[in-house]
Amino acid sequence: MPKFALDIPSSQIFFCSLAVAAALLGDAILYVVMPSQPELWGITIVQVGILLSANRIIRLLTNPLSSEIMRKYGVVKPFMGAMCSSVIVLVIYAYSKNFFVLLLGRLAWGACWSLLRLGAQWTALEESKGQNLGFNLSYNASVIRIGAIGGALFGGILSDVIGLRNTLLIFGIATVLSLMAWIRQIPESYKVKPAAAQSSRQYSTILRNPRLLLVNMCSLLTGLIWSGAVSGTIGHYLRYRFGLEIEMLTVVVGISTFTGIMLGVRSLAEVFIGPAGGYLSDQYGRVKALVITMVFAAGSIMLLSLNLGLLASAVVLIVTFVSGVLVTMQLLALVGEMAEDMSRTETLSVYSTFQDFGSALGPFIGLSLIEASQLPELYRTGGFILLFFAAVFPLISKKQHLSYRQLNDHGPSSE
């Protein structure tokens, strides 16, 4: 039987994750307001799809670049530079109505996020032992998602009440304060120690590793479905289904507010469900938990494609977001375990690049290539692909002589 022992994550993990969460506020609000009110920036819905994908597409380049930067300069200086740059990007969001300037801002944010995410993940690994690796990585991801809650939930409400610029000003102040709090917690060893003490590995070697390729392909799929297709298009889809104003519990609210609430629920699931998913992965084994959660997630995303009423759609959305969190945390624990045996920064950057590529495809396909009436087909297709991966995952693992015991160093065999 697994031994239930929980190590509290260190303050370094918490304050680093909290700083990234604050930087995420400005990005998260765009996924609420831009698809539902593109007129605030004077842009079209097609341009919205491009903008919401651009920051993820650029990360296909900036993820490996961030790995090399942190390998050369360490974690602290690149992390601080990315935090400061994220504040400048907020100014662009607040004052520009030029599509190309907004595009430059989104590309800059993509580069910032590559550095911030890698720095936070490296910190979580640095502060972990084998038995709590999954929990610390999922805890790091969960704290970061507090920023998505603030940007989606409070950002949507505040933009309807006090306006977009004032909301972004509040988010900028929060980012600066969180940066100051993180600086006070930096250990001296982080300032002088390079980000990767392990020997360097070539990216081609990592990509040829069958274990990593399998996990990375699943990462691409989860990025496409949850971070891309569902989160990026749900505001547009809800507007198509229910209009600009909807009645919720006898109160009429704007579509931005309702979309923000739904996306905020996704982030709440990552905050409260995410650590539990990582902890169970540590205790019971990663592959078995991954396959089960993928089947659960496939069912929920296919339900979302049905022509449901407002209340039923909200319930299904909540279940869909929870299932997506569980799948993502299992994958994160798997790749974190592999990163300990290989080059840490390069392994994490490759994993993130696959996920970002999927995340970039989602809004572009859902907003720029197809009409709102076709979005249910997109959701349904994603569910079938998830079922396919859930079926082939254990088969391919066995074919590559990767027994469940090999993949679950900290959990029981699933065979």
Foldseek 3Di string as FASTA:
>chain_A
DFDDDDDDFDPLLLLLLLLLLLLCQLVLLLLLCCLQPVVVLPDDLLLSLVLQLLLLVLLLVLLVVLLVVLQVQFQPPLLVVLLVLSLVLLVCVQPHSDSVSSSVSSNSNSNSNSSSVLSSLLSLLVRDDLLCSLLSNLQSQLSSLVSSLCNQQVVLVCCVPVNNNVSSVVSSVSSVVSSVVSVVVDDPCRNPPGSWPDDDDDLVVQCPPPLLVLLLLVLLLLLQQPLFACSNCVLNLCCVQANQWDADPNDIDGSSNVSSVLSSLLSVLSNPVRSVLSNVCLEAAQLVQLLVLLLQLLVLLLVCLDPDDPVVNSVSSNSNSNSSSSNVSSSSSLLSVVLVVHGNSSSVSSSSSSSSNSRSVNSNCNRNPDDSVCSSVVSNVSSVVSNVSSVCVVVVCVVVVNFRCNSRVNHDGPD
